[in-house]
PDB file of all heavy atoms in Angstrom:
ATOM      1  N   PRO A   1     -47.229 200.323-214.906  1.00  0.00           N
ATOM      2  CA  PRO A   1     -46.396 199.780-215.924  1.00  0.00           C
ATOM      3  C   PRO A   1     -45.280 198.869-215.362  1.00  0.00           C
ATOM      4  O   PRO A   1     -44.790 197.965-216.055  1.00  0.00           O
ATOM      5  CB  PRO A   1     -45.802 200.995-216.617  1.00  0.00           C
ATOM      6  CG  PRO A   1     -45.847 202.094-215.601  1.00  0.00           C
ATOM      7  CD  PRO A   1     -47.060 201.818-214.806  1.00  0.00           C
ATOM      8  N   ALA A   2     -44.887 199.158-214.132  1.00  0.00           N
ATOM      9  CA  ALA A   2     -43.822 198.353-213.477  1.00  0.00           C
ATOM     10  C   ALA A   2     -44.232 198.060-212.015  1.00  0.00           C
ATOM     11  O   ALA A   2     -43.688 198.672-211.129  1.00  0.00           O
ATOM     12  CB  ALA A   2     -42.486 199.103-213.600  1.00  0.00           C
ATOM     13  N   GLY A   3     -45.165 197.194-211.852  1.00  0.00           N
ATOM     14  CA  GLY A   3     -45.642 196.842-210.549  1.00  0.00           C
ATOM     15  C   GLY A   3     -44.667 196.018-209.754  1.00  0.00           C
ATOM     16  O   GLY A   3     -43.802 195.296-210.311  1.00  0.00           O
ATOM     17  N   PRO A   4     -44.739 196.041-208.426  1.00  0.00           N
ATOM     18  CA  PRO A   4     -43.795 195.302-207.556  1.00  0.00           C
ATOM     19  C   PRO A   4     -43.988 193.826-207.676  1.00  0.00           C
ATOM     20  O   PRO A   4     -43.052 193.057-207.310  1.00  0.00           O
ATOM     21  CB  PRO A   4     -44.119 195.773-206.150  1.00  0.00           C
ATOM     22  CG  PRO A   4     -45.580 196.285-206.225  1.00  0.00           C
ATOM     23  CD  PRO A   4     -45.674 196.849-207.612  1.00  0.00           C
ATOM     24  N   HIS A   5     -45.066 193.301-208.236  1.00  0.00           N
ATOM     25  CA  HIS A   5     -45.344 191.903-208.366  1.00  0.00           C
ATOM     26  C   HIS A   5     -44.777 191.315-209.666  1.00  0.00           C
ATOM     27  O   HIS A   5     -44.703 190.115-209.838  1.00  0.00           O
ATOM     28  CB  HIS A   5     -46.805 191.622-208.330  1.00  0.00           C
ATOM     29  CG  HIS A   5     -47.589 192.277-209.455  1.00  0.00           C
ATOM     30  ND1 HIS A   5     -47.644 193.614-209.622  1.00  0.00           N
ATOM     31  CD2 HIS A   5     -48.316 191.721-210.475  1.00  0.00           C
ATOM     32  CE1 HIS A   5     -48.345 193.935-210.683  1.00  0.00           C
ATOM     33  NE2 HIS A   5     -48.778 192.797-211.213  1.00  0.00           N
ATOM     34  N   MET A   6     -44.386 192.193-210.611  1.00  0.00           N
ATOM     35  CA  MET A   6     -43.958 191.776-211.905  1.00  0.00           C
ATOM     36  C   MET A   6     -42.532 191.132-211.856  1.00  0.00           C
ATOM     37  O   MET A   6     -41.773 191.389-210.899  1.00  0.00           O
ATOM     38  CB  MET A   6     -43.936 192.940-212.880  1.00  0.00           C
ATOM     39  CG  MET A   6     -45.269 193.545-213.179  1.00  0.00           C
ATOM     40  SD  MET A   6     -45.148 195.056-214.205  1.00  0.00           S
ATOM     41  CE  MET A   6     -44.415 194.408-215.673  1.00  0.00           C
ATOM     42  N   ARG A   7     -42.225 190.316-212.842  1.00  0.00           N
ATOM     43  CA  ARG A   7     -40.881 189.790-212.984  1.00  0.00           C
ATOM     44  C   ARG A   7     -39.947 191.009-213.203  1.00  0.00           C
ATOM     45  O   ARG A   7     -40.258 191.872-214.013  1.00  0.00           O
ATOM     46  CB  ARG A   7     -40.761 188.826-214.106  1.00  0.00           C
ATOM     47  CG  ARG A   7     -41.725 187.641-213.939  1.00  0.00           C
ATOM     48  CD  ARG A   7     -41.496 186.570-214.982  1.00  0.00           C
ATOM     49  NE  ARG A   7     -41.568 187.009-216.355  1.00  0.00           N
ATOM     50  CZ  ARG A   7     -41.368 186.202-217.438  1.00  0.00           C
ATOM     51  NH1 ARG A   7     -41.169 184.912-217.279  1.00  0.00           N
ATOM     52  NH2 ARG A   7     -41.478 186.679-218.664  1.00  0.00           N
ATOM     53  N   SER A   8     -38.807 191.024-212.491  1.00  0.00           N
ATOM     54  CA  SER A   8     -37.995 192.214-212.479  1.00  0.00           C
ATOM     55  C   SER A   8     -37.540 192.679-213.845  1.00  0.00           C
ATOM     56  O   SER A   8     -37.599 193.859-214.170  1.00  0.00           O
ATOM     57  CB  SER A   8     -36.775 192.017-211.551  1.00  0.00           C
ATOM     58  OG  SER A   8     -36.043 190.815-211.858  1.00  0.00           O
ATOM     59  N   PRO A   9     -37.070 191.796-214.800  1.00  0.00           N
ATOM     60  CA  PRO A   9     -36.678 192.307-216.104  1.00  0.00           C
ATOM     61  C   PRO A   9     -37.865 192.933-216.848  1.00  0.00           C
ATOM     62  O   PRO A   9     -37.742 193.917-217.563  1.00  0.00           O
ATOM     63  CB  PRO A   9     -36.153 191.072-216.831  1.00  0.00           C
ATOM     64  CG  PRO A   9     -35.762 190.148-215.718  1.00  0.00           C
ATOM     65  CD  PRO A   9     -36.780 190.338-214.672  1.00  0.00           C
ATOM     66  N   ASP A  10     -39.056 192.294-216.785  1.00  0.00           N
ATOM     67  CA  ASP A  10     -40.257 192.797-217.418  1.00  0.00           C
ATOM     68  C   ASP A  10     -40.595 194.192-216.851  1.00  0.00           C
ATOM     69  O   ASP A  10     -40.944 195.115-217.648  1.00  0.00           O
ATOM     70  CB  ASP A  10     -41.427 191.897-217.239  1.00  0.00           C
ATOM     71  CG  ASP A  10     -41.234 190.563-217.925  1.00  0.00           C
ATOM     72  OD1 ASP A  10     -40.437 190.468-218.869  1.00  0.00           O
ATOM     73  OD2 ASP A  10     -41.941 189.586-217.531  1.00  0.00           O
ATOM     74  N   ALA A  11     -40.507 194.352-215.557  1.00  0.00           N
ATOM     75  CA  ALA A  11     -40.800 195.654-214.937  1.00  0.00           C
ATOM     76  C   ALA A  11     -39.829 196.735-215.381  1.00  0.00           C
ATOM     77  O   ALA A  11     -40.196 197.854-215.695  1.00  0.00           O
ATOM     78  CB  ALA A  11     -40.831 195.510-213.421  1.00  0.00           C
ATOM     79  N   LEU A  12     -38.512 196.372-215.453  1.00  0.00           N
ATOM     80  CA  LEU A  12     -37.564 197.376-215.879  1.00  0.00           C
ATOM     81  C   LEU A  12     -37.764 197.811-217.309  1.00  0.00           C
ATOM     82  O   LEU A  12     -37.613 198.960-217.669  1.00  0.00           O
ATOM     83  CB  LEU A  12     -36.127 196.791-215.723  1.00  0.00           C
ATOM     84  CG  LEU A  12     -35.538 196.810-214.331  1.00  0.00           C
ATOM     85  CD1 LEU A  12     -34.122 196.257-214.377  1.00  0.00           C
ATOM     86  CD2 LEU A  12     -35.541 198.193-213.694  1.00  0.00           C
ATOM     87  N   GLU A  13     -38.107 196.835-218.155  1.00  0.00           N
ATOM     88  CA  GLU A  13     -38.384 197.230-219.565  1.00  0.00           C
ATOM     89  C   GLU A  13     -39.641 198.042-219.725  1.00  0.00           C
ATOM     90  O   GLU A  13     -39.776 198.801-220.700  1.00  0.00           O
ATOM     91  CB  GLU A  13     -38.520 195.903-220.423  1.00  0.00           C
ATOM     92  CG  GLU A  13     -37.205 195.198-220.713  1.00  0.00           C
ATOM     93  CD  GLU A  13     -37.285 194.172-221.807  1.00  0.00           C
ATOM     94  OE1 GLU A  13     -37.081 194.579-222.985  1.00  0.00           O
ATOM     95  OE2 GLU A  13     -37.636 193.015-221.528  1.00  0.00           O
ATOM     96  N   SER A  14     -40.563 197.866-218.771  1.00  0.00           N
ATOM     97  CA  SER A  14     -41.815 198.646-218.844  1.00  0.00           C
ATOM     98  C   SER A  14     -41.715 200.020-218.182  1.00  0.00           C
ATOM     99  O   SER A  14     -42.576 200.876-218.389  1.00  0.00           O
ATOM    100  CB  SER A  14     -42.938 197.867-218.209  1.00  0.00           C
ATOM    101  OG  SER A  14     -43.154 196.642-218.862  1.00  0.00           O
ATOM    102  N   ALA A  15     -40.709 200.203-217.341  1.00  0.00           N
ATOM    103  CA  ALA A  15     -40.552 201.440-216.598  1.00  0.00           C
ATOM    104  C   ALA A  15     -40.338 202.617-217.527  1.00  0.00           C
ATOM    105  O   ALA A  15     -39.570 202.533-218.515  1.00  0.00           O
ATOM    106  CB  ALA A  15     -39.391 201.348-215.598  1.00  0.00           C
ATOM    107  N   ARG A  16     -40.990 203.730-217.285  1.00  0.00           N
ATOM    108  CA  ARG A  16     -40.928 204.920-218.094  1.00  0.00           C
ATOM    109  C   ARG A  16     -39.635 205.701-217.849  1.00  0.00           C
ATOM    110  O   ARG A  16     -39.217 206.463-218.710  1.00  0.00           O
ATOM    111  CB  ARG A  16     -42.094 205.802-217.890  1.00  0.00           C
ATOM    112  CG  ARG A  16     -43.495 205.129-218.237  1.00  0.00           C
ATOM    113  CD  ARG A  16     -44.608 206.133-218.144  1.00  0.00           C
ATOM    114  NE  ARG A  16     -45.921 205.488-218.433  1.00  0.00           N
ATOM    115  CZ  ARG A  16     -46.754 205.172-217.538  1.00  0.00           C
ATOM    116  NH1 ARG A  16     -46.473 205.338-216.249  1.00  0.00           N
ATOM    117  NH2 ARG A  16     -47.944 204.593-217.852  1.00  0.00           N
ATOM    118  N   SER A  17     -39.014 205.515-216.678  1.00  0.00           N
ATOM    119  CA  SER A  17     -37.889 206.345-216.274  1.00  0.00           C
ATOM    120  C   SER A  17     -36.534 205.776-216.701  1.00  0.00           C
ATOM    121  O   SER A  17     -35.504 206.373-216.433  1.00  0.00           O
ATOM    122  CB  SER A  17     -37.923 206.575-214.763  1.00  0.00           C
ATOM    123  OG  SER A  17     -37.874 205.334-214.091  1.00  0.00           O
ATOM    124  N   LEU A  18     -36.552 204.565-217.298  1.00  0.00           N
ATOM    125  CA  LEU A  18     -35.277 203.892-217.532  1.00  0.00           C
ATOM    126  C   LEU A  18     -35.431 203.098-218.862  1.00  0.00           C
ATOM    127  O   LEU A  18     -36.440 202.417-219.108  1.00  0.00           O
ATOM    128  CB  LEU A  18     -34.927 202.960-216.393  1.00  0.00           C
ATOM    129  CG  LEU A  18     -33.631 202.169-216.504  1.00  0.00           C
ATOM    130  CD1 LEU A  18     -32.464 203.084-216.444  1.00  0.00           C
ATOM    131  CD2 LEU A  18     -33.556 201.112-215.380  1.00  0.00           C
ATOM    132  N   THR A  19     -34.353 203.164-219.688  1.00  0.00           N
ATOM    133  CA  THR A  19     -34.298 202.344-220.846  1.00  0.00           C
ATOM    134  C   THR A  19     -33.098 201.379-220.709  1.00  0.00           C
ATOM    135  O   THR A  19     -31.939 201.741-220.964  1.00  0.00           O
ATOM    136  CB  THR A  19     -34.124 203.208-222.126  1.00  0.00           C
ATOM    137  OG1 THR A  19     -35.199 204.114-222.241  1.00  0.00           O
ATOM    138  CG2 THR A  19     -34.069 202.288-223.363  1.00  0.00           C
ATOM    139  N   PRO A  20     -33.318 200.144-220.322  1.00  0.00           N
ATOM    140  CA  PRO A  20     -32.177 199.242-220.083  1.00  0.00           C
ATOM    141  C   PRO A  20     -31.554 198.767-221.368  1.00  0.00           C
ATOM    142  O   PRO A  20     -32.207 198.758-222.464  1.00  0.00           O
ATOM    143  CB  PRO A  20     -32.852 198.059-219.333  1.00  0.00           C
ATOM    144  CG  PRO A  20     -34.289 198.084-219.743  1.00  0.00           C
ATOM    145  CD  PRO A  20     -34.611 199.507-219.972  1.00  0.00           C
ATOM    146  N   THR A  21     -30.298 198.400-221.274  1.00  0.00           N
ATOM    147  CA  THR A  21     -29.618 197.759-222.426  1.00  0.00           C
ATOM    148  C   THR A  21     -30.073 196.281-222.481  1.00  0.00           C
ATOM    149  O   THR A  21     -29.909 195.600-221.503  1.00  0.00           O
ATOM    150  CB  THR A  21     -28.091 197.865-222.279  1.00  0.00           C
ATOM    151  OG1 THR A  21     -27.753 199.224-222.188  1.00  0.00           O
ATOM    152  CG2 THR A  21     -27.426 197.156-223.396  1.00  0.00           C
ATOM    153  N   VAL A  22     -30.600 195.823-223.564  1.00  0.00           N
ATOM    154  CA  VAL A  22     -31.124 194.475-223.704  1.00  0.00           C
ATOM    155  C   VAL A  22     -30.220 193.669-224.655  1.00  0.00           C
ATOM    156  O   VAL A  22     -29.960 194.103-225.783  1.00  0.00           O
ATOM    157  CB  VAL A  22     -32.571 194.470-224.223  1.00  0.00           C
ATOM    158  CG1 VAL A  22     -33.069 193.011-224.370  1.00  0.00           C
ATOM    159  CG2 VAL A  22     -33.490 195.227-223.244  1.00  0.00           C
ATOM    160  N   ILE A  23     -29.765 192.531-224.209  1.00  0.00           N
ATOM    161  CA  ILE A  23     -28.909 191.636-224.977  1.00  0.00           C
ATOM    162  C   ILE A  23     -29.573 190.265-224.989  1.00  0.00           C
ATOM    163  O   ILE A  23     -30.117 189.780-223.981  1.00  0.00           O
ATOM    164  CB  ILE A  23     -27.528 191.520-224.309  1.00  0.00           C
ATOM    165  CG1 ILE A  23     -26.828 192.888-224.293  1.00  0.00           C
ATOM    166  CG2 ILE A  23     -26.628 190.477-225.043  1.00  0.00           C
ATOM    167  CD1 ILE A  23     -25.643 192.923-223.327  1.00  0.00           C
ATOM    168  N   THR A  24     -29.597 189.630-226.143  1.00  0.00           N
ATOM    169  CA  THR A  24     -30.196 188.257-226.277  1.00  0.00           C
ATOM    170  C   THR A  24     -29.120 187.261-226.629  1.00  0.00           C
ATOM    171  O   THR A  24     -28.246 187.542-227.427  1.00  0.00           O
ATOM    172  CB  THR A  24     -31.290 188.233-227.320  1.00  0.00           C
ATOM    173  OG1 THR A  24     -30.756 188.635-228.588  1.00  0.00           O
ATOM    174  CG2 THR A  24     -32.430 189.162-226.939  1.00  0.00           C
ATOM    175  N   MET A  25     -29.207 186.122-225.959  1.00  0.00           N
ATOM    176  CA  MET A  25     -28.311 185.000-226.262  1.00  0.00           C
ATOM    177  C   MET A  25     -28.846 184.256-227.468  1.00  0.00           C
ATOM    178  O   MET A  25     -30.041 183.898-227.518  1.00  0.00           O
ATOM    179  CB  MET A  25     -28.065 184.121-225.067  1.00  0.00           C
ATOM    180  CG  MET A  25     -27.593 184.882-223.862  1.00  0.00           C
ATOM    181  SD  MET A  25     -27.197 183.920-222.400  1.00  0.00           S
ATOM    182  CE  MET A  25     -25.740 183.070-222.956  1.00  0.00           C
ATOM    183  N   PRO A  26     -28.052 183.942-228.461  1.00  0.00           N
ATOM    184  CA  PRO A  26     -28.582 183.535-229.783  1.00  0.00           C
ATOM    185  C   PRO A  26     -28.883 182.016-229.885  1.00  0.00           C
ATOM    186  O   PRO A  26     -29.575 181.629-230.851  1.00  0.00           O
ATOM    187  CB  PRO A  26     -27.420 183.877-230.719  1.00  0.00           C
ATOM    188  CG  PRO A  26     -26.192 183.757-229.896  1.00  0.00           C
ATOM    189  CD  PRO A  26     -26.576 184.173-228.514  1.00  0.00           C
ATOM    190  N   ASP A  27     -28.404 181.163-228.993  1.00  0.00           N
ATOM    191  CA  ASP A  27     -28.536 179.728-229.188  1.00  0.00           C
ATOM    192  C   ASP A  27     -28.765 178.973-227.898  1.00  0.00           C
ATOM    193  O   ASP A  27     -28.455 179.472-226.798  1.00  0.00           O
ATOM    194  CB  ASP A  27     -27.235 179.130-229.843  1.00  0.00           C
ATOM    195  CG  ASP A  27     -26.964 179.710-231.196  1.00  0.00           C
ATOM    196  OD1 ASP A  27     -27.784 179.452-232.140  1.00  0.00           O
ATOM    197  OD2 ASP A  27     -25.940 180.412-231.389  1.00  0.00           O
ATOM    198  N   THR A  28     -29.310 177.829-228.016  1.00  0.00           N
ATOM    199  CA  THR A  28     -29.391 176.873-226.908  1.00  0.00           C
ATOM    200  C   THR A  28     -28.376 175.759-227.147  1.00  0.00           C
ATOM    201  O   THR A  28     -28.128 175.379-228.304  1.00  0.00           O
ATOM    202  CB  THR A  28     -30.818 176.238-226.765  1.00  0.00           C
ATOM    203  OG1 THR A  28     -30.794 175.264-225.761  1.00  0.00           O
ATOM    204  CG2 THR A  28     -31.260 175.548-228.082  1.00  0.00           C
ATOM    205  N   TRP A  29     -27.819 175.241-226.107  1.00  0.00           N
ATOM    206  CA  TRP A  29     -26.856 174.169-226.138  1.00  0.00           C
ATOM    207  C   TRP A  29     -27.430 172.884-225.587  1.00  0.00           C
ATOM    208  O   TRP A  29     -26.678 171.917-225.350  1.00  0.00           O
ATOM    209  CB  TRP A  29     -25.539 174.557-225.400  1.00  0.00           C
ATOM    210  CG  TRP A  29     -24.854 175.732-226.003  1.00  0.00           C
ATOM    211  CD1 TRP A  29     -25.154 177.036-225.775  1.00  0.00           C
ATOM    212  CD2 TRP A  29     -23.768 175.708-226.905  1.00  0.00           C
ATOM    213  NE1 TRP A  29     -24.315 177.862-226.531  1.00  0.00           N
ATOM    214  CE2 TRP A  29     -23.432 177.079-227.223  1.00  0.00           C
ATOM    215  CE3 TRP A  29     -23.015 174.718-227.509  1.00  0.00           C
ATOM    216  CZ2 TRP A  29     -22.455 177.429-228.082  1.00  0.00           C
ATOM    217  CZ3 TRP A  29     -22.021 175.033-228.411  1.00  0.00           C
ATOM    218  CH2 TRP A  29     -21.707 176.395-228.669  1.00  0.00           C
ATOM    219  N   ARG A  30     -28.733 172.891-225.293  1.00  0.00           N
ATOM    220  CA  ARG A  30     -29.369 171.726-224.650  1.00  0.00           C
ATOM    221  C   ARG A  30     -30.165 170.866-225.626  1.00  0.00           C
ATOM    222  O   ARG A  30     -30.017 169.651-225.640  1.00  0.00           O
ATOM    223  CB  ARG A  30     -30.308 172.181-223.471  1.00  0.00           C
ATOM    224  CG  ARG A  30     -30.940 171.040-222.775  1.00  0.00           C
ATOM    225  CD  ARG A  30     -31.932 171.550-221.684  1.00  0.00           C
ATOM    226  NE  ARG A  30     -31.192 172.331-220.709  1.00  0.00           N
ATOM    227  CZ  ARG A  30     -31.748 173.250-219.959  1.00  0.00           C
ATOM    228  NH1 ARG A  30     -33.020 173.549-220.085  1.00  0.00           N
ATOM    229  NH2 ARG A  30     -31.031 173.953-219.076  1.00  0.00           N
ATOM    230  N   PHE A  31     -31.034 171.445-226.392  1.00  0.00           N
ATOM    231  CA  PHE A  31     -31.938 170.726-227.273  1.00  0.00           C
ATOM    232  C   PHE A  31     -31.800 171.187-228.677  1.00  0.00           C
ATOM    233  O   PHE A  31     -31.113 172.152-228.974  1.00  0.00           O
ATOM    234  CB  PHE A  31     -33.393 170.837-226.802  1.00  0.00           C
ATOM    235  CG  PHE A  31     -33.788 172.243-226.481  1.00  0.00           C
ATOM    236  CD1 PHE A  31     -34.129 173.145-227.463  1.00  0.00           C
ATOM    237  CD2 PHE A  31     -33.968 172.624-225.177  1.00  0.00           C
ATOM    238  CE1 PHE A  31     -34.506 174.434-227.192  1.00  0.00           C
ATOM    239  CE2 PHE A  31     -34.375 173.916-224.818  1.00  0.00           C
ATOM    240  CZ  PHE A  31     -34.642 174.815-225.841  1.00  0.00           C
ATOM    241  N   GLY A  32     -32.460 170.410-229.586  1.00  0.00           N
ATOM    242  CA  GLY A  32     -32.228 170.670-231.000  1.00  0.00           C
ATOM    243  C   GLY A  32     -33.249 171.492-231.700  1.00  0.00           C
ATOM    244  O   GLY A  32     -34.113 172.096-231.075  1.00  0.00           O
ATOM    245  N   ARG A  33     -33.168 171.487-233.036  1.00  0.00           N
ATOM    246  CA  ARG A  33     -34.030 172.368-233.863  1.00  0.00           C
ATOM    247  C   ARG A  33     -35.506 172.010-233.688  1.00  0.00           C
ATOM    248  O   ARG A  33     -36.369 172.942-233.693  1.00  0.00           O
ATOM    249  CB  ARG A  33     -33.596 172.157-235.323  1.00  0.00           C
ATOM    250  CG  ARG A  33     -34.529 172.840-236.376  1.00  0.00           C
ATOM    251  CD  ARG A  33     -34.791 174.274-236.117  1.00  0.00           C
ATOM    252  NE  ARG A  33     -33.568 175.059-236.110  1.00  0.00           N
ATOM    253  CZ  ARG A  33     -33.604 176.376-235.900  1.00  0.00           C
ATOM    254  NH1 ARG A  33     -34.738 177.045-235.618  1.00  0.00           N
ATOM    255  NH2 ARG A  33     -32.463 177.031-235.897  1.00  0.00           N
TER     256      ARG A  33
END
């Protein structure tokens, strides 16, 4: 579920032994709708 080759955030979210706190940024400041 959390292999060493995985992207680190993906692996942490998939790990059974840990439930990370997840925060999402709501907007982009670069491009439009």
